[in-house]
Amino acid sequence: MEEKLRIIISGGGTGGHIFPAVSIANAIKEQHPEAEILFVGAEGRMEMQRVPAAGYEIKGLPVSGFNRKNLFKNFEVLYKLAKSQFKAYSIIKQFKPHAAVGVGGYASGPTLKMAGMMGVPTLIQEQNSYAGVTNKLLAKKAKKICVAYEGMEKFFEKDKIILTGNPVRQGLVNNKITREEGINFFQLDPAKKTILVIGGSLGARTVNQCIMNNLDKIKNSDVQFVWQTGKIYYEQALQEVKKAGELPLFVTDFISSMEHAYAAADLVISRAGAGSISEFCILGKAVILVPSPNVAEDHQTKNALALVDKSAALYVKDNEAENKLVDIAIETIHQDSVLNDLSMNIKKLAFTNSASVIAEEVVKLANEYRKNHGN
């Protein structure tokens, strides 16, 4: 009798890596309910809570990122990397996976490296339009590379690439919430246009600072805002809002239902993470992107420009946001033709079944491995 399918999924660090990873796992389970899936993450990172909450087992590695500012601190990082590779070897030896998937984040490096060395077929999910150093190295041994943007053959072998898009939270794909329901959820005025400001789970400093410093413009506009600050900036944001007096603004550290937030929004302000962009594409949301400058290879700017080139988003540089962002947002939201064009163009870039397509590729690799190794 054939053994159950066993798959390792590795990566995390941010919601942008965790949501796609869980979506892929769910899609594998839909196709093969008997499959055993083990996640490998980084100790102390978000995935160690979020993955078990989604119903999957996770093992942690003591891995951390390189310190670009203080090179001497990287001796400890290298020690942790070596320790993580040894632990990844032990996990793979014990679990005996038929395939391993890397979604990005600290843990995917040592896990996929060891899986490749041990003969386990690997698949990389590259979310961004500009491949990171780790994925470029892992790609040499990877069997398949699932990408979200065209033109990725400049980073990877063409024959390995499959254009799949990025998986998003399942609830968003099946979102049936109306604008009216979204407006009611946040107790907003249905007669006013709504701008959704997403500061991320921790908070985007520039975006939050920009809103705090322009509360007078928001107060005098005829536009309402839903503002997710992230937990780091929430208390400061609350104090500034109280000082400013009555505002057409709903402020929260975390939005529990993004489905309602997207439904309410006529325009979104956001960083340019790959996961967020995939959500905007699927939902056809008009968006102003403010790429974070604090990411490897400045990949968020490249993500944003890939949309701007197709007239599918507006873009404001991080260092220009404080003077320009709120003005551009208030001006844009009153231009229905611009909003409609942005919405229509971004929706053309959507992939609605990414998780299922990636899951099928993972299962193909696993079945080929089982056929060749008799387990």
Protein backbone atom coordinates (compact mmCIF):
# COMPACT_ATOMS: atom_id res chain seq x y z
CA MET A 1 0.00 0.00 0.00
CA GLU A 2 1.29 3.46 -0.98
CA GLU A 3 2.41 5.66 1.88
CA LYS A 4 0.67 8.97 2.62
CA LEU A 5 1.97 11.97 0.74
CA ARG A 6 4.44 13.88 2.98
CA ILE A 7 5.26 17.53 2.20
CA ILE A 8 7.43 20.09 3.99
CA ILE A 9 6.58 23.78 3.57
CA SER A 10 9.18 26.23 4.83
CA GLY A 11 9.38 29.98 5.32
CA GLY A 12 7.54 32.82 6.99
CA GLY A 13 8.58 35.92 8.92
CA THR A 14 5.70 38.08 7.70
CA GLY A 15 2.04 37.60 6.85
CA GLY A 16 3.08 38.04 3.22
CA HIS A 17 4.95 34.72 3.40
CA ILE A 18 2.66 32.88 5.84
CA PHE A 19 -0.69 33.41 4.07
CA PRO A 20 0.57 31.94 0.75
CA ALA A 21 2.21 29.03 2.59
CA VAL A 22 -1.03 28.14 4.39
CA SER A 23 -3.01 28.57 1.15
CA ILE A 24 -0.69 26.10 -0.61
CA ALA A 25 -1.06 23.64 2.29
CA ASN A 26 -4.85 23.96 2.18
CA ALA A 27 -4.84 23.37 -1.59
CA ILE A 28 -2.69 20.22 -1.18
CA LYS A 29 -5.12 18.99 1.47
CA GLU A 30 -8.09 19.68 -0.83
CA GLN A 31 -6.50 17.59 -3.57
CA HIS A 32 -5.11 14.91 -1.22
CA PRO A 33 -6.89 14.88 2.17
CA GLU A 34 -4.60 12.11 3.42
CA ALA A 35 -1.43 14.21 2.91
CA GLU A 36 0.80 14.93 5.91
CA ILE A 37 2.16 18.49 5.87
CA LEU A 38 4.91 19.76 8.15
CA PHE A 39 5.88 23.43 8.29
CA VAL A 40 9.40 24.59 9.14
CA GLY A 41 9.71 28.18 10.37
CA ALA A 42 12.07 30.47 12.27
CA GLU A 43 11.96 30.42 16.07
CA GLY A 44 10.33 33.49 17.57
CA ARG A 45 8.76 34.61 14.29
CA MET A 46 5.09 35.07 13.42
CA GLU A 47 4.70 31.68 11.75
CA MET A 48 5.24 29.83 15.05
CA GLN A 49 1.79 31.07 16.15
CA ARG A 50 -0.04 31.57 12.86
CA VAL A 51 0.65 28.13 11.37
CA PRO A 52 -0.66 26.08 14.36
CA ALA A 53 -3.70 28.42 14.42
CA ALA A 54 -4.33 27.33 10.81
CA GLY A 55 -4.25 23.68 11.93
CA TYR A 56 -0.73 22.59 10.91
CA GLU A 57 2.29 21.34 12.84
CA ILE A 58 5.43 23.50 12.70
CA LYS A 59 9.06 23.00 13.73
CA GLY A 60 11.29 25.98 14.44
CA LEU A 61 14.89 26.69 13.37
CA PRO A 62 17.16 29.10 15.30
CA VAL A 63 17.86 31.06 12.10
CA SER A 64 17.95 34.86 11.77
CA GLY A 65 18.68 37.40 9.05
CA PHE A 66 22.03 39.00 8.26
CA ASN A 67 22.78 42.32 9.93
CA ARG A 68 23.74 44.70 7.13
CA LYS A 69 24.60 47.56 9.49
CA ASN A 70 26.86 45.73 11.95
CA LEU A 71 28.89 43.03 10.20
CA PHE A 72 30.47 41.78 13.46
CA LYS A 73 27.04 40.64 14.65
CA ASN A 74 26.96 38.20 11.74
CA PHE A 75 29.26 35.74 13.51
CA GLU A 76 26.26 34.79 15.64
CA VAL A 77 24.06 34.71 12.51
CA LEU A 78 26.47 32.28 10.81
CA TYR A 79 26.51 30.07 13.92
CA LYS A 80 22.69 30.03 13.94
CA LEU A 81 22.66 29.22 10.22
CA ALA A 82 24.95 26.20 10.72
CA LYS A 83 22.83 25.06 13.67
CA SER A 84 19.66 25.51 11.57
CA GLN A 85 21.05 23.44 8.72
CA PHE A 86 21.85 20.61 11.12
CA LYS A 87 18.36 20.83 12.65
CA ALA A 88 16.76 20.96 9.17
CA TYR A 89 18.72 17.80 8.28
CA SER A 90 17.32 16.05 11.37
CA ILE A 91 13.75 17.17 10.62
CA ILE A 92 13.97 15.96 7.00
CA LYS A 93 15.55 12.65 8.00
CA GLN A 94 12.81 12.00 10.55
CA PHE A 95 9.80 13.22 8.50
CA LYS A 96 10.99 11.73 5.16
CA PRO A 97 9.19 14.23 2.88
CA HIS A 98 8.45 13.45 -0.76
CA ALA A 99 8.84 17.14 -1.69
CA ALA A 100 9.77 20.44 -0.01
CA VAL A 101 8.37 23.90 -0.74
CA GLY A 102 10.06 27.23 0.07
CA VAL A 103 7.92 30.38 0.27
CA GLY A 104 10.64 32.83 1.37
CA GLY A 105 11.68 33.97 4.83
CA TYR A 106 14.65 32.99 6.99
CA ALA A 107 13.80 29.30 7.45
CA SER A 108 13.38 28.43 3.78
CA GLY A 109 17.13 28.79 3.07
CA PRO A 110 18.52 26.05 5.34
CA THR A 111 15.46 23.80 4.88
CA LEU A 112 15.50 23.77 1.08
CA LYS A 113 19.29 23.61 0.93
CA MET A 114 19.33 20.45 3.08
CA ALA A 115 16.34 18.93 1.25
CA GLY A 116 18.13 19.42 -2.08
CA MET A 117 21.35 17.90 -0.72
CA MET A 118 19.37 14.91 0.58
CA GLY A 119 17.78 14.29 -2.83
CA VAL A 120 14.30 15.56 -1.94
CA PRO A 121 12.75 17.50 -4.86
CA THR A 122 12.24 21.19 -4.07
CA LEU A 123 9.90 23.88 -5.35
CA ILE A 124 10.43 27.61 -4.78
CA GLN A 125 7.61 30.11 -4.68
CA GLU A 126 9.15 33.49 -5.63
CA GLN A 127 6.63 36.20 -4.78
CA ASN A 128 8.44 39.31 -5.98
CA SER A 129 9.30 40.76 -9.37
CA TYR A 130 12.96 40.82 -8.30
CA ALA A 131 14.37 37.56 -6.96
CA GLY A 132 16.19 37.61 -3.63
CA VAL A 133 19.72 36.26 -3.08
CA THR A 134 18.53 33.15 -1.18
CA ASN A 135 16.08 32.08 -3.87
CA LYS A 136 18.65 32.64 -6.60
CA LEU A 137 21.00 30.25 -4.76
CA LEU A 138 18.26 27.70 -3.99
CA ALA A 139 17.05 27.80 -7.61
CA LYS A 140 20.13 25.94 -8.80
CA LYS A 141 18.90 22.71 -7.17
CA ALA A 142 15.14 23.42 -7.34
CA LYS A 143 13.01 21.34 -9.72
CA LYS A 144 10.31 24.01 -10.18
CA ILE A 145 10.08 27.76 -9.55
CA CYS A 146 6.60 29.29 -9.29
CA VAL A 147 6.61 33.03 -10.00
CA ALA A 148 4.12 35.90 -9.89
CA TYR A 149 5.62 38.14 -12.57
CA GLU A 150 6.65 37.77 -16.20
CA GLY A 151 10.30 38.15 -17.21
CA MET A 152 11.74 36.09 -14.32
CA GLU A 153 14.05 34.16 -16.69
CA LYS A 154 16.64 36.87 -15.97
CA PHE A 155 16.99 35.26 -12.50
CA PHE A 156 16.09 31.60 -13.06
CA GLU A 157 16.40 28.83 -15.65
CA LYS A 158 13.52 29.31 -18.10
CA ASP A 159 12.60 25.59 -18.17
CA LYS A 160 11.96 25.54 -14.41
CA ILE A 161 9.67 28.59 -14.30
CA ILE A 162 5.87 28.38 -14.00
CA LEU A 163 3.84 31.61 -13.95
CA THR A 164 1.29 30.99 -11.17
CA GLY A 165 0.81 34.30 -9.35
CA ASN A 166 0.85 34.49 -5.55
CA PRO A 167 -1.69 32.60 -3.45
CA VAL A 168 -3.87 34.83 -1.24
CA ARG A 169 -6.17 34.26 1.74
CA GLN A 170 -9.05 32.04 0.62
CA GLY A 171 -11.66 34.32 2.16
CA LEU A 172 -10.66 37.12 -0.22
CA VAL A 173 -11.03 35.00 -3.35
CA ASN A 174 -14.59 34.08 -2.35
CA ASN A 175 -15.42 37.53 -0.95
CA LYS A 176 -19.12 38.30 -1.41
CA ILE A 177 -19.30 41.25 1.04
CA THR A 178 -20.93 44.36 -0.45
CA ARG A 179 -19.73 47.95 -0.13
CA GLU A 180 -22.76 48.67 2.06
CA GLU A 181 -21.84 45.85 4.46
CA GLY A 182 -18.22 47.09 4.56
CA ILE A 183 -19.31 50.67 5.31
CA ASN A 184 -21.67 49.47 8.09
CA PHE A 185 -18.94 47.28 9.61
CA PHE A 186 -16.79 50.39 10.25
CA GLN A 187 -19.81 52.63 11.01
CA LEU A 188 -18.96 54.97 8.14
CA ASP A 189 -21.01 57.35 6.01
CA PRO A 190 -22.28 55.60 2.84
CA ALA A 191 -22.44 58.94 1.01
CA LYS A 192 -18.70 59.58 1.34
CA LYS A 193 -15.76 58.05 -0.56
CA THR A 194 -13.50 55.86 1.59
CA ILE A 195 -9.70 55.52 1.62
CA LEU A 196 -8.21 52.44 3.30
CA VAL A 197 -4.71 52.98 4.75
CA ILE A 198 -2.85 49.75 5.51
CA GLY A 199 0.12 50.13 7.84
CA GLY A 200 0.87 46.39 8.03
CA SER A 201 0.69 44.09 11.09
CA LEU A 202 3.53 45.93 12.86
CA GLY A 203 3.20 49.28 11.12
CA ALA A 204 4.76 51.20 8.24
CA ARG A 205 6.52 54.20 9.75
CA THR A 206 6.33 56.55 6.75
CA VAL A 207 2.69 55.80 5.96
CA ASN A 208 1.62 56.24 9.59
CA GLN A 209 3.69 59.41 10.07
CA CYS A 210 2.20 60.82 6.88
CA ILE A 211 -1.39 60.34 8.12
CA MET A 212 -0.55 61.74 11.58
CA ASN A 213 1.05 64.85 10.08
CA ASN A 214 -1.84 65.51 7.71
CA LEU A 215 -4.85 65.11 9.98
CA ASP A 216 -5.86 68.72 9.28
CA LYS A 217 -6.16 67.93 5.54
CA ILE A 218 -8.19 64.81 6.35
CA LYS A 219 -10.44 66.84 8.66
CA ASN A 220 -11.14 69.42 5.94
CA SER A 221 -11.67 66.89 3.16
CA ASP A 222 -15.02 65.32 2.37
CA VAL A 223 -13.39 61.88 2.41
CA GLN A 224 -13.41 59.25 5.18
CA PHE A 225 -10.50 57.00 6.13
CA VAL A 226 -10.08 53.51 7.61
CA TRP A 227 -6.57 53.48 9.06
CA GLN A 228 -4.77 50.33 10.22
CA THR A 229 -1.71 51.59 12.08
CA GLY A 230 -0.13 48.29 13.15
CA LYS A 231 0.54 47.68 16.84
CA ILE A 232 3.76 49.74 17.13
CA TYR A 233 2.16 53.06 16.13
CA TYR A 234 -1.36 52.61 17.50
CA GLU A 235 -1.06 54.51 20.80
CA GLN A 236 0.74 57.44 19.17
CA ALA A 237 -1.89 57.55 16.40
CA LEU A 238 -4.72 57.55 18.94
CA GLN A 239 -3.19 60.50 20.81
CA GLU A 240 -2.80 62.53 17.61
CA VAL A 241 -6.37 61.77 16.54
CA LYS A 242 -7.73 62.86 19.95
CA LYS A 243 -5.79 66.14 19.71
CA ALA A 244 -7.15 66.82 16.22
CA GLY A 245 -10.79 66.62 17.34
CA GLU A 246 -13.62 65.03 15.40
CA LEU A 247 -12.36 63.34 12.23
CA PRO A 248 -13.88 61.25 9.42
CA LEU A 249 -11.51 58.47 10.41
CA PHE A 250 -11.74 54.92 11.84
CA VAL A 251 -8.41 54.04 13.47
CA THR A 252 -7.35 50.56 14.59
CA ASP A 253 -4.11 48.66 15.20
CA PHE A 254 -5.38 45.56 13.38
CA ILE A 255 -8.30 44.95 11.02
CA SER A 256 -9.91 41.64 11.94
CA SER A 257 -11.86 41.40 8.68
CA MET A 258 -9.92 42.58 5.64
CA GLU A 259 -12.87 41.41 3.53
CA HIS A 260 -15.01 44.21 5.02
CA ALA A 261 -12.18 46.75 4.75
CA TYR A 262 -11.59 46.06 1.06
CA ALA A 263 -15.34 46.11 0.36
CA ALA A 264 -15.65 49.56 1.98
CA ALA A 265 -12.62 51.06 0.21
CA ASP A 266 -12.77 53.10 -2.98
CA LEU A 267 -8.98 53.59 -2.85
CA VAL A 268 -6.20 51.85 -0.90
CA ILE A 269 -2.86 53.21 0.37
CA SER A 270 -0.34 50.44 1.05
CA ARG A 271 3.26 49.27 0.99
CA ALA A 272 4.14 47.20 -2.08
CA GLY A 273 4.60 43.73 -0.61
CA ALA A 274 3.95 40.94 -3.10
CA GLY A 275 1.14 39.37 -1.06
CA SER A 276 -0.75 42.65 -0.72
CA ILE A 277 -0.40 43.38 -4.43
CA SER A 278 -1.84 39.95 -5.27
CA GLU A 279 -4.86 40.73 -3.10
CA PHE A 280 -5.39 44.10 -4.82
CA CYS A 281 -5.23 42.36 -8.22
CA ILE A 282 -7.84 39.73 -7.31
CA LEU A 283 -10.20 42.33 -5.82
CA GLY A 284 -9.54 44.95 -8.51
CA LYS A 285 -8.74 47.68 -5.96
CA ALA A 286 -7.44 51.08 -7.04
CA VAL A 287 -4.24 51.55 -5.04
CA ILE A 288 -1.46 54.02 -4.26
CA LEU A 289 1.72 52.10 -3.45
CA VAL A 290 4.42 53.49 -1.14
CA PRO A 291 7.24 50.91 -1.37
CA SER A 292 9.28 50.27 1.76
CA PRO A 293 12.95 51.22 1.28
CA ASN A 294 13.95 48.83 4.10
CA VAL A 295 13.76 45.56 2.17
CA ALA A 296 16.36 43.44 0.39
CA GLU A 297 17.26 44.52 -3.16
CA ASP A 298 14.59 47.27 -2.94
CA HIS A 299 12.16 44.65 -4.28
CA GLN A 300 9.02 46.56 -3.23
CA THR A 301 9.87 49.43 -5.61
CA LYS A 302 10.31 46.89 -8.41
CA ASN A 303 6.95 45.29 -7.48
CA ALA A 304 5.28 48.71 -7.63
CA LEU A 305 6.85 49.71 -10.94
CA ALA A 306 5.73 46.42 -12.53
CA LEU A 307 2.15 47.64 -11.91
CA VAL A 308 2.79 51.29 -12.76
CA ASP A 309 4.17 50.20 -16.16
CA LYS A 310 0.76 48.63 -16.89
CA SER A 311 -1.20 51.67 -15.56
CA ALA A 312 -2.47 49.39 -12.78
CA ALA A 313 -1.38 51.44 -9.73
CA LEU A 314 -0.13 54.85 -8.60
CA TYR A 315 3.24 55.13 -6.88
CA VAL A 316 4.69 57.57 -4.35
CA LYS A 317 8.32 57.31 -3.20
CA ASP A 318 8.81 56.77 0.52
CA ASN A 319 10.88 59.96 0.92
CA GLU A 320 8.24 62.05 -0.86
CA ALA A 321 5.17 60.60 0.87
CA GLU A 322 4.90 63.13 3.71
CA ASN A 323 4.49 66.04 1.30
CA LYS A 324 2.53 64.30 -1.46
CA LEU A 325 0.64 61.17 -0.37
CA VAL A 326 -2.50 62.57 1.30
CA ASP A 327 -2.93 65.26 -1.38
CA ILE A 328 -2.65 62.69 -4.18
CA ALA A 329 -5.05 60.32 -2.42
CA ILE A 330 -7.73 63.00 -1.84
CA GLU A 331 -7.36 64.27 -5.41
CA THR A 332 -7.46 60.76 -6.94
CA ILE A 333 -10.53 59.55 -5.05
CA HIS A 334 -12.67 62.23 -6.69
CA GLN A 335 -11.64 61.13 -10.19
CA ASP A 336 -14.00 58.25 -10.97
CA SER A 337 -12.47 57.62 -14.39
CA VAL A 338 -8.98 57.24 -12.86
CA LEU A 339 -10.30 54.88 -10.15
CA ASN A 340 -12.13 52.80 -12.77
CA ASP A 341 -9.06 52.56 -15.03
CA LEU A 342 -6.80 51.55 -12.13
CA SER A 343 -9.32 48.95 -10.97
CA MET A 344 -9.79 47.49 -14.46
CA ASN A 345 -6.05 47.38 -15.23
CA ILE A 346 -4.99 45.79 -11.93
CA LYS A 347 -7.70 43.14 -12.22
CA LYS A 348 -6.21 42.03 -15.56
CA LEU A 349 -3.09 40.94 -13.63
CA ALA A 350 -4.96 38.68 -11.19
CA PHE A 351 -4.39 34.93 -10.76
CA THR A 352 -7.39 33.40 -8.99
CA ASN A 353 -6.23 29.78 -8.60
CA SER A 354 -2.52 30.19 -7.71
CA ALA A 355 -2.59 27.92 -4.65
CA SER A 356 -4.22 25.05 -6.58
CA VAL A 357 -1.77 25.30 -9.49
CA ILE A 358 1.24 25.35 -7.11
CA ALA A 359 -0.23 22.43 -5.12
CA GLU A 360 -0.56 20.38 -8.33
CA GLU A 361 3.11 21.02 -9.15
CA VAL A 362 4.18 20.00 -5.62
CA VAL A 363 2.15 16.78 -5.85
CA LYS A 364 3.65 15.97 -9.28
CA LEU A 365 7.18 16.29 -7.84
CA ALA A 366 6.23 14.19 -4.79
CA ASN A 367 4.65 11.43 -6.90
CA GLU A 368 7.67 11.28 -9.22
CA TYR A 369 9.94 10.98 -6.16
CA ARG A 370 7.77 8.19 -4.69
CA LYS A 371 7.78 6.31 -8.00
CA ASN A 372 11.58 6.49 -8.22
CA HIS A 373 12.24 5.71 -4.55
CA GLY A 374 9.46 3.22 -3.88
CA ASN A 375 7.91 5.01 -0.91
